[in-house]
C-alpha atoms as a PDB file:
ATOM      1  CA  MET A   1      64.502  87.985  35.323  1.00  0.00           C
ATOM      2  CA  GLU A   2      68.312  87.873  35.205  1.00  0.00           C
ATOM      3  CA  THR A   3      68.086  88.443  39.095  1.00  0.00           C
ATOM      4  CA  ARG A   4      65.690  85.158  39.512  1.00  0.00           C
ATOM      5  CA  ARG A   5      68.602  83.226  37.065  1.00  0.00           C
ATOM      6  CA  ARG A   6      71.339  84.012  39.528  1.00  0.00           C
ATOM      7  CA  ALA A   7      69.913  83.236  42.250  1.00  0.00           C
ATOM      8  CA  PHE A   8      69.372  80.006  40.476  1.00  0.00           C
ATOM      9  CA  LEU A   9      72.889  79.432  39.685  1.00  0.00           C
ATOM     10  CA  ALA A  10      74.230  80.776  43.185  1.00  0.00           C
ATOM     11  CA  SER A  11      71.736  77.912  44.759  1.00  0.00           C
ATOM     12  CA  LEU A  12      72.575  74.996  42.319  1.00  0.00           C
ATOM     13  CA  GLY A  13      75.922  75.875  42.512  1.00  0.00           C
ATOM     14  CA  VAL A  14      75.730  75.278  46.988  1.00  0.00           C
ATOM     15  CA  GLY A  15      74.226  72.385  45.974  1.00  0.00           C
ATOM     16  CA  VAL A  16      76.731  70.596  43.745  1.00  0.00           C
ATOM     17  CA  LEU A  17      79.340  71.538  46.304  1.00  0.00           C
ATOM     18  CA  GLY A  18      77.293  70.575  49.138  1.00  0.00           C
ATOM     19  CA  THR A  19      76.608  66.989  47.592  1.00  0.00           C
ATOM     20  CA  ARG A  20      80.049  66.498  47.048  1.00  0.00           C
ATOM     21  CA  LEU A  21      81.177  67.058  50.527  1.00  0.00           C
ATOM     22  CA  ALA A  22      78.000  64.919  51.461  1.00  0.00           C
ATOM     23  CA  ARG A  23      78.830  61.920  49.549  1.00  0.00           C
ATOM     24  CA  ALA A  24      82.655  62.365  51.099  1.00  0.00           C
ATOM     25  CA  GLN A  25      81.371  62.554  54.686  1.00  0.00           C
ATOM     26  CA  SER A  26      78.499  59.696  54.190  1.00  0.00           C
ATOM     27  CA  PRO A  27      79.303  56.012  55.707  1.00  0.00           C
ATOM     28  CA  ALA A  28      78.889  54.424  52.311  1.00  0.00           C
ATOM     29  CA  ALA A  29      82.173  56.274  51.542  1.00  0.00           C
ATOM     30  CA  SER A  30      83.794  54.821  53.825  1.00  0.00           C
ATOM     31  CA  GLY A  31      82.536  50.954  53.096  1.00  0.00           C
ATOM     32  CA  GLY A  32      79.131  51.317  54.925  1.00  0.00           C
ATOM     33  CA  GLN A  33      80.709  52.305  58.513  1.00  0.00           C
ATOM     34  CA  SER A  34      79.602  54.811  60.921  1.00  0.00           C
ATOM     35  CA  ALA A  35      82.234  57.000  61.652  1.00  0.00           C
ATOM     36  CA  PRO A  36      83.682  57.283  65.130  1.00  0.00           C
ATOM     37  CA  PRO A  37      82.947  59.575  67.644  1.00  0.00           C
ATOM     38  CA  VAL A  38      84.344  62.731  67.386  1.00  0.00           C
ATOM     39  CA  PRO A  39      87.153  63.704  70.034  1.00  0.00           C
ATOM     40  CA  VAL A  40      86.414  66.689  72.350  1.00  0.00           C
ATOM     41  CA  ARG A  41      89.310  68.434  74.128  1.00  0.00           C
ATOM     42  CA  LYS A  42      90.208  71.604  76.079  1.00  0.00           C
ATOM     43  CA  ALA A  43      91.849  74.630  75.258  1.00  0.00           C
ATOM     44  CA  LYS A  44      94.683  76.035  77.329  1.00  0.00           C
ATOM     45  CA  THR A  45      95.078  79.819  76.701  1.00  0.00           C
ATOM     46  CA  THR A  46      98.417  82.159  77.565  1.00  0.00           C
ATOM     47  CA  THR A  47      97.346  85.792  76.699  1.00  0.00           C
ATOM     48  CA  LEU A  48     100.372  87.584  75.318  1.00  0.00           C
ATOM     49  CA  PHE A  49     100.415  91.344  74.595  1.00  0.00           C
ATOM     50  CA  LYS A  50      97.598  93.923  72.919  1.00  0.00           C
ATOM     51  CA  SER A  51      97.024  94.553  69.488  1.00  0.00           C
ATOM     52  CA  PRO A  52      97.764  98.410  68.447  1.00  0.00           C
ATOM     53  CA  GLU A  53      94.490  99.671  68.569  1.00  0.00           C
ATOM     54  CA  GLY A  54      92.620  97.254  71.085  1.00  0.00           C
ATOM     55  CA  TYR A  55      90.016  95.958  68.868  1.00  0.00           C
ATOM     56  CA  PRO A  56      91.377  93.204  67.065  1.00  0.00           C
ATOM     57  CA  ASN A  57      89.144  90.579  65.020  1.00  0.00           C
ATOM     58  CA  ALA A  58      91.645  88.751  62.420  1.00  0.00           C
ATOM     59  CA  ILE A  59      94.490  87.604  62.617  1.00  0.00           C
ATOM     60  CA  ALA A  60      96.961  86.106  60.291  1.00  0.00           C
ATOM     61  CA  ALA A  61     100.555  84.252  60.937  1.00  0.00           C
ATOM     62  CA  THR A  62     103.355  84.641  58.200  1.00  0.00           C
ATOM     63  CA  PRO A  63     107.135  84.607  58.195  1.00  0.00           C
ATOM     64  CA  GLU A  64     107.483  88.186  58.657  1.00  0.00           C
ATOM     65  CA  GLY A  65     105.003  88.186  61.964  1.00  0.00           C
ATOM     66  CA  LEU A  66     101.667  88.700  63.163  1.00  0.00           C
ATOM     67  CA  TRP A  67      98.930  90.306  60.679  1.00  0.00           C
ATOM     68  CA  ILE A  68      96.252  92.116  63.046  1.00  0.00           C
ATOM     69  CA  GLY A  69      93.255  93.104  61.324  1.00  0.00           C
ATOM     70  CA  GLU A  70      91.154  95.763  63.446  1.00  0.00           C
ATOM     71  CA  GLN A  71      87.444  95.949  63.675  1.00  0.00           C
ATOM     72  CA  ARG A  72      86.730  99.242  64.224  1.00  0.00           C
ATOM     73  CA  THR A  73      89.661 101.322  61.514  1.00  0.00           C
ATOM     74  CA  ASP A  74      90.119  98.340  59.284  1.00  0.00           C
ATOM     75  CA  ASN A  75      93.912  98.639  59.669  1.00  0.00           C
ATOM     76  CA  ALA A  76      95.829  95.699  59.315  1.00  0.00           C
ATOM     77  CA  HIS A  77      98.784  95.536  61.615  1.00  0.00           C
ATOM     78  CA  LEU A  78     101.969  93.524  61.142  1.00  0.00           C
ATOM     79  CA  VAL A  79     103.836  93.118  64.661  1.00  0.00           C
ATOM     80  CA  ASP A  80     106.375  90.616  66.135  1.00  0.00           C
ATOM     81  CA  TRP A  81     105.899  87.715  68.109  1.00  0.00           C
ATOM     82  CA  LYS A  82     106.125  90.013  71.203  1.00  0.00           C
ATOM     83  CA  GLY A  83     103.497  92.687  69.808  1.00  0.00           C
ATOM     84  CA  THR A  84     106.036  95.676  68.057  1.00  0.00           C
ATOM     85  CA  LEU A  85     104.397  97.091  65.277  1.00  0.00           C
ATOM     86  CA  LEU A  86     106.286  96.452  62.035  1.00  0.00           C
ATOM     87  CA  LYS A  87     103.918  98.081  59.798  1.00  0.00           C
ATOM     88  CA  THR A  88     100.021  98.933  58.936  1.00  0.00           C
ATOM     89  CA  VAL A  89      98.554  98.711  55.946  1.00  0.00           C
ATOM     90  CA  LYS A  90      94.976 100.575  55.564  1.00  0.00           C
ATOM     91  CA  THR A  91      92.424  98.972  53.692  1.00  0.00           C
ATOM     92  CA  GLU A  92      88.748  99.717  52.962  1.00  0.00           C
ATOM     93  CA  SER A  93      86.837  96.904  54.471  1.00  0.00           C
ATOM     94  CA  LYS A  94      84.189  97.461  57.035  1.00  0.00           C
ATOM     95  CA  ASN A  95      83.529  95.848  60.300  1.00  0.00           C
ATOM     96  CA  THR A  96      86.664  93.471  59.277  1.00  0.00           C
ATOM     97  CA  SER A  97      85.981  89.845  60.474  1.00  0.00           C
ATOM     98  CA  GLY A  98      88.556  87.997  59.103  1.00  0.00           C
ATOM     99  CA  MET A  99      92.084  88.393  57.237  1.00  0.00           C
ATOM    100  CA  GLY A 100      94.623  86.496  54.979  1.00  0.00           C
ATOM    101  CA  VAL A 101      98.060  87.044  53.878  1.00  0.00           C
ATOM    102  CA  GLY A 102      99.589  85.391  50.509  1.00  0.00           C
ATOM    103  CA  GLY A 103     100.554  86.161  47.059  1.00  0.00           C
ATOM    104  CA  GLY A 104     101.849  89.521  48.212  1.00  0.00           C
ATOM    105  CA  TYR A 105      98.203  90.636  49.137  1.00  0.00           C
ATOM    106  CA  ILE A 106      95.839  91.231  52.260  1.00  0.00           C
ATOM    107  CA  TRP A 107      92.766  90.061  51.805  1.00  0.00           C
ATOM    108  CA  MET A 108      90.397  90.915  54.263  1.00  0.00           C
ATOM    109  CA  GLY A 109      86.903  89.677  55.170  1.00  0.00           C
ATOM    110  CA  ALA A 110      84.213  92.562  55.698  1.00  0.00           C
ATOM    111  CA  ASN A 111      81.148  91.871  57.760  1.00  0.00           C
ATOM    112  CA  ALA A 112      79.233  95.332  56.983  1.00  0.00           C
ATOM    113  CA  ALA A 113      78.446  96.843  53.986  1.00  0.00           C
ATOM    114  CA  PRO A 114      79.621  96.532  51.239  1.00  0.00           C
ATOM    115  CA  ASN A 115      80.885  93.379  52.562  1.00  0.00           C
ATOM    116  CA  GLY A 116      82.878  90.940  50.739  1.00  0.00           C
ATOM    117  CA  ILE A 117      86.501  90.229  50.241  1.00  0.00           C
ATOM    118  CA  PHE A 118      88.866  93.256  49.907  1.00  0.00           C
ATOM    119  CA  GLN A 119      92.322  92.685  48.097  1.00  0.00           C
ATOM    120  CA  THR A 120      94.564  95.442  49.462  1.00  0.00           C
ATOM    121  CA  ASP A 121      98.351  95.725  48.268  1.00  0.00           C
ATOM    122  CA  MET A 122     101.464  96.490  50.867  1.00  0.00           C
ATOM    123  CA  SER A 123     101.201 100.092  49.643  1.00  0.00           C
ATOM    124  CA  SER A 124      97.585 100.460  50.935  1.00  0.00           C
ATOM    125  CA  LYS A 125      96.000 100.263  47.440  1.00  0.00           C
ATOM    126  CA  THR A 126      92.566  98.554  47.160  1.00  0.00           C
ATOM    127  CA  ILE A 127      93.384  95.853  44.358  1.00  0.00           C
ATOM    128  CA  SER A 128      89.735  94.233  44.037  1.00  0.00           C
ATOM    129  CA  HIS A 129      86.629  93.981  46.159  1.00  0.00           C
ATOM    130  CA  ARG A 130      84.461  91.280  45.555  1.00  0.00           C
ATOM    131  CA  GLN A 131      81.316  89.664  46.891  1.00  0.00           C
ATOM    132  CA  ILE A 132      81.465  86.197  48.239  1.00  0.00           C
ATOM    133  CA  PRO A 133      80.563  83.871  45.583  1.00  0.00           C
ATOM    134  CA  LEU A 134      77.488  81.831  45.648  1.00  0.00           C
ATOM    135  CA  GLY A 135      75.322  84.367  47.375  1.00  0.00           C
ATOM    136  CA  GLY A 136      77.601  87.278  48.885  1.00  0.00           C
ATOM    137  CA  GLY A 137      77.040  88.332  52.210  1.00  0.00           C
ATOM    138  CA  GLY A 138      79.088  88.715  55.378  1.00  0.00           C
ATOM    139  CA  CYS A 139      82.236  86.482  56.460  1.00  0.00           C
ATOM    140  CA  HIS A 140      84.199  85.612  60.184  1.00  0.00           C
ATOM    141  CA  GLY A 141      86.913  84.151  58.833  1.00  0.00           C
ATOM    142  CA  VAL A 142      89.464  84.388  55.668  1.00  0.00           C
ATOM    143  CA  GLU A 143      92.528  81.887  54.754  1.00  0.00           C
ATOM    144  CA  TYR A 144      94.903  82.099  52.350  1.00  0.00           C
ATOM    145  CA  VAL A 145      96.745  78.581  51.698  1.00  0.00           C
ATOM    146  CA  ASP A 146      98.515  77.483  48.789  1.00  0.00           C
ATOM    147  CA  GLY A 147      97.211  80.332  46.601  1.00  0.00           C
ATOM    148  CA  LYS A 148      93.586  79.477  47.642  1.00  0.00           C
ATOM    149  CA  LEU A 149      91.493  81.459  49.854  1.00  0.00           C
ATOM    150  CA  TRP A 150      89.300  79.667  52.107  1.00  0.00           C
ATOM    151  CA  ILE A 151      85.967  81.963  53.664  1.00  0.00           C
ATOM    152  CA  ALA A 152      83.789  81.109  56.365  1.00  0.00           C
ATOM    153  CA  ALA A 153      80.797  82.606  54.433  1.00  0.00           C
ATOM    154  CA  LEU A 154      78.111  83.341  56.781  1.00  0.00           C
ATOM    155  CA  ARG A 155      75.318  83.375  54.327  1.00  0.00           C
ATOM    156  CA  LEU A 156      76.247  80.370  53.299  1.00  0.00           C
ATOM    157  CA  ARG A 157      77.065  78.563  56.798  1.00  0.00           C
ATOM    158  CA  GLY A 158      80.027  77.146  55.427  1.00  0.00           C
ATOM    159  CA  ILE A 159      83.630  77.276  54.663  1.00  0.00           C
ATOM    160  CA  LEU A 160      83.967  77.983  51.325  1.00  0.00           C
ATOM    161  CA  ARG A 161      87.280  77.489  49.119  1.00  0.00           C
ATOM    162  CA  VAL A 162      87.607  79.879  46.100  1.00  0.00           C
ATOM    163  CA  ASP A 163      90.258  80.872  43.508  1.00  0.00           C
ATOM    164  CA  PRO A 164      91.390  83.988  43.619  1.00  0.00           C
ATOM    165  CA  LYS A 165      92.345  84.431  40.501  1.00  0.00           C
ATOM    166  CA  THR A 166      89.168  83.367  38.784  1.00  0.00           C
ATOM    167  CA  TRP A 167      87.100  84.296  41.632  1.00  0.00           C
ATOM    168  CA  GLU A 168      85.650  80.540  41.230  1.00  0.00           C
ATOM    169  CA  PRO A 169      84.292  78.550  43.988  1.00  0.00           C
ATOM    170  CA  GLU A 170      85.627  75.191  44.431  1.00  0.00           C
ATOM    171  CA  PHE A 171      84.573  73.363  47.483  1.00  0.00           C
ATOM    172  CA  LEU A 172      82.276  74.085  50.824  1.00  0.00           C
ATOM    173  CA  ILE A 173      82.763  72.609  54.263  1.00  0.00           C
ATOM    174  CA  PRO A 174      79.073  73.204  55.935  1.00  0.00           C
ATOM    175  CA  TYR A 175      78.772  73.843  59.640  1.00  0.00           C
ATOM    176  CA  SER A 176      76.092  73.746  61.828  1.00  0.00           C
ATOM    177  CA  VAL A 177      77.688  75.968  65.036  1.00  0.00           C
ATOM    178  CA  PRO A 178      75.367  79.186  65.802  1.00  0.00           C
ATOM    179  CA  ARG A 179      78.675  81.278  65.936  1.00  0.00           C
ATOM    180  CA  ALA A 180      81.393  80.491  63.117  1.00  0.00           C
ATOM    181  CA  HIS A 181      84.368  82.830  63.120  1.00  0.00           C
ATOM    182  CA  GLY A 182      88.475  82.920  62.201  1.00  0.00           C
ATOM    183  CA  THR A 183      90.023  80.051  60.626  1.00  0.00           C
ATOM    184  CA  ALA A 184      93.636  78.471  60.130  1.00  0.00           C
ATOM    185  CA  PHE A 185      94.960  75.881  58.167  1.00  0.00           C
ATOM    186  CA  HIS A 186      97.873  73.448  59.264  1.00  0.00           C
ATOM    187  CA  ASP A 187      98.747  69.591  57.989  1.00  0.00           C
ATOM    188  CA  GLY A 188      95.871  69.142  55.713  1.00  0.00           C
ATOM    189  CA  ALA A 189      93.007  70.683  58.174  1.00  0.00           C
ATOM    190  CA  ILE A 190      90.971  73.707  58.777  1.00  0.00           C
ATOM    191  CA  TRP A 191      90.569  74.919  62.470  1.00  0.00           C
ATOM    192  CA  MET A 192      87.357  77.093  62.905  1.00  0.00           C
ATOM    193  CA  VAL A 193      86.310  79.464  65.825  1.00  0.00           C
ATOM    194  CA  THR A 194      82.374  78.629  67.411  1.00  0.00           C
ATOM    195  CA  GLY A 195      80.587  79.016  69.612  1.00  0.00           C
ATOM    196  CA  ASN A 196      76.996  78.204  71.270  1.00  0.00           C
ATOM    197  CA  GLU A 197      75.175  78.643  74.374  1.00  0.00           C
ATOM    198  CA  GLN A 198      77.957  76.317  76.313  1.00  0.00           C
ATOM    199  CA  GLY A 199      80.289  79.005  75.050  1.00  0.00           C
ATOM    200  CA  ALA A 200      83.345  79.230  72.723  1.00  0.00           C
ATOM    201  CA  GLY A 201      85.237  76.452  70.900  1.00  0.00           C
ATOM    202  CA  LEU A 202      86.749  75.109  67.834  1.00  0.00           C
ATOM    203  CA  ASN A 203      86.264  72.541  65.263  1.00  0.00           C
ATOM    204  CA  LYS A 204      88.869  70.646  63.336  1.00  0.00           C
ATOM    205  CA  TYR A 205      87.683  69.688  59.776  1.00  0.00           C
ATOM    206  CA  ASP A 206      89.646  67.634  57.353  1.00  0.00           C
ATOM    207  CA  ALA A 207      90.623  69.844  54.205  1.00  0.00           C
ATOM    208  CA  GLU A 208      90.121  67.416  51.632  1.00  0.00           C
ATOM    209  CA  SER A 209      86.574  65.663  52.970  1.00  0.00           C
ATOM    210  CA  GLY A 210      85.109  68.311  55.130  1.00  0.00           C
ATOM    211  CA  ARG A 211      84.519  65.402  57.866  1.00  0.00           C
ATOM    212  CA  LEU A 212      85.126  66.889  61.155  1.00  0.00           C
ATOM    213  CA  LEU A 213      88.163  65.603  63.156  1.00  0.00           C
ATOM    214  CA  GLU A 214      87.696  66.962  66.763  1.00  0.00           C
ATOM    215  CA  THR A 215      86.453  70.055  68.682  1.00  0.00           C
ATOM    216  CA  VAL A 216      88.197  71.959  71.002  1.00  0.00           C
ATOM    217  CA  ARG A 217      86.011  73.786  74.426  1.00  0.00           C
ATOM    218  CA  PHE A 218      87.048  77.074  76.131  1.00  0.00           C
ATOM    219  CA  ASP A 219      86.387  77.447  79.899  1.00  0.00           C
ATOM    220  CA  GLN A 220      84.365  80.605  80.629  1.00  0.00           C
ATOM    221  CA  SER A 221      87.513  82.329  82.203  1.00  0.00           C
ATOM    222  CA  ASP A 222      89.376  81.810  79.064  1.00  0.00           C
ATOM    223  CA  PRO A 223      89.841  84.880  76.374  1.00  0.00           C
ATOM    224  CA  ASP A 224      86.949  85.083  73.794  1.00  0.00           C
ATOM    225  CA  PRO A 225      88.105  84.314  70.306  1.00  0.00           C
ATOM    226  CA  HIS A 226      87.868  85.605  67.359  1.00  0.00           C
ATOM    227  CA  GLY A 227      90.658  85.415  64.623  1.00  0.00           C
ATOM    228  CA  LEU A 228      92.547  81.915  64.332  1.00  0.00           C
ATOM    229  CA  ALA A 229      96.034  81.841  62.995  1.00  0.00           C
ATOM    230  CA  TRP A 230      98.437  78.674  63.313  1.00  0.00           C
ATOM    231  CA  HIS A 231     102.121  79.333  64.306  1.00  0.00           C
ATOM    232  CA  ASP A 232     105.200  77.469  65.288  1.00  0.00           C
ATOM    233  CA  GLY A 233     103.037  74.410  66.830  1.00  0.00           C
ATOM    234  CA  ALA A 234     100.361  76.561  68.162  1.00  0.00           C
ATOM    235  CA  LEU A 235      97.192  77.909  67.589  1.00  0.00           C
ATOM    236  CA  TYR A 236      96.836  81.722  68.157  1.00  0.00           C
ATOM    237  CA  SER A 237      93.547  84.411  68.544  1.00  0.00           C
ATOM    238  CA  CYS A 238      92.335  87.716  69.329  1.00  0.00           C
ATOM    239  CA  ASP A 239      89.791  88.884  71.893  1.00  0.00           C
ATOM    240  CA  ALA A 240      87.902  91.831  69.994  1.00  0.00           C
ATOM    241  CA  GLY A 241      85.778  93.063  72.984  1.00  0.00           C
ATOM    242  CA  ILE A 242      83.239  92.911  70.637  1.00  0.00           C
ATOM    243  CA  HIS A 243      80.448  90.146  70.833  1.00  0.00           C
ATOM    244  CA  PRO A 244      76.876  89.990  69.856  1.00  0.00           C
ATOM    245  CA  GLY A 245      74.848  90.718  72.750  1.00  0.00           C
ATOM    246  CA  TRP A 246      77.605  91.688  75.088  1.00  0.00           C
ATOM    247  CA  PRO A 247      78.297  95.211  76.002  1.00  0.00           C
ATOM    248  CA  ASP A 248      81.622  96.000  74.660  1.00  0.00           C
ATOM    249  CA  ASN A 249      85.031  95.119  76.579  1.00  0.00           C
ATOM    250  CA  LYS A 250      82.930  92.874  78.878  1.00  0.00           C
ATOM    251  CA  SER A 251      85.825  90.047  78.145  1.00  0.00           C
ATOM    252  CA  PRO A 252      88.870  90.900  80.795  1.00  0.00           C
ATOM    253  CA  THR A 253      91.030  90.004  77.865  1.00  0.00           C
ATOM    254  CA  HIS A 254      89.706  92.142  75.470  1.00  0.00           C
ATOM    255  CA  SER A 255      92.546  93.581  72.945  1.00  0.00           C
ATOM    256  CA  TYR A 256      94.833  90.909  73.684  1.00  0.00           C
ATOM    257  CA  ILE A 257      96.508  88.502  71.234  1.00  0.00           C
ATOM    258  CA  PHE A 258      96.445  84.762  72.876  1.00  0.00           C
ATOM    259  CA  ARG A 259      98.199  81.586  72.368  1.00  0.00           C
ATOM    260  CA  ILE A 260      96.000  78.327  72.456  1.00  0.00           C
ATOM    261  CA  ASP A 261      97.303  75.088  73.310  1.00  0.00           C
ATOM    262  CA  VAL A 262      95.000  71.872  72.662  1.00  0.00           C
ATOM    263  CA  VAL A 263      94.903  69.703  75.527  1.00  0.00           C
END
């Protein structure tokens, strides 16, 4: 009985959040006028340096440098912007597929059992391990912004904003792409790595309303994006070398960090 009650409350919570977002995006909310077409732009990529272990599936930009989450070992490495290793933090995450850094902690998103978000301090001590609110499951992106966590939650098919202190869900941005991955925040907007039959891309959402602002397409010859971060006027990503349905290391730029300029 208690299990059914929790499931009902979780589905109710998603509905409330989704309704709030749907109202913000509806034509009526903007005076009944239909939204303009969403711009489609192109990505220009520049390959930079390899990650310390060669399987980077999450990144986060900080004043100290670039944090890289490795998918095979679930270590978090801090490197400078030339790729020099500065620090390593070990975590208990599993199949890491997203990371945020903030509040003095590393927040790793586990995409394999036991799933959830692992909060780790800078001395490799696990502070907490909690499931994604409103349904649990895996994730493919985590971002820490102004004391909040943004989680690309696979089971919810949305980017969920969570208060990391209370672990209460606050806002949901639904997505409809087959593949969702890393997220990055800049200037009031959330960027997310996407993918479909035509290849990889990016979606940019307004962080207040959830409205889709623009999309970006990658060429087939570009690196395969996984993690995502914003730094000094540009987006950065990593090519994990692991992609569902592909042989490992199929991408010629696997293990590399690369810069993305939107043109």
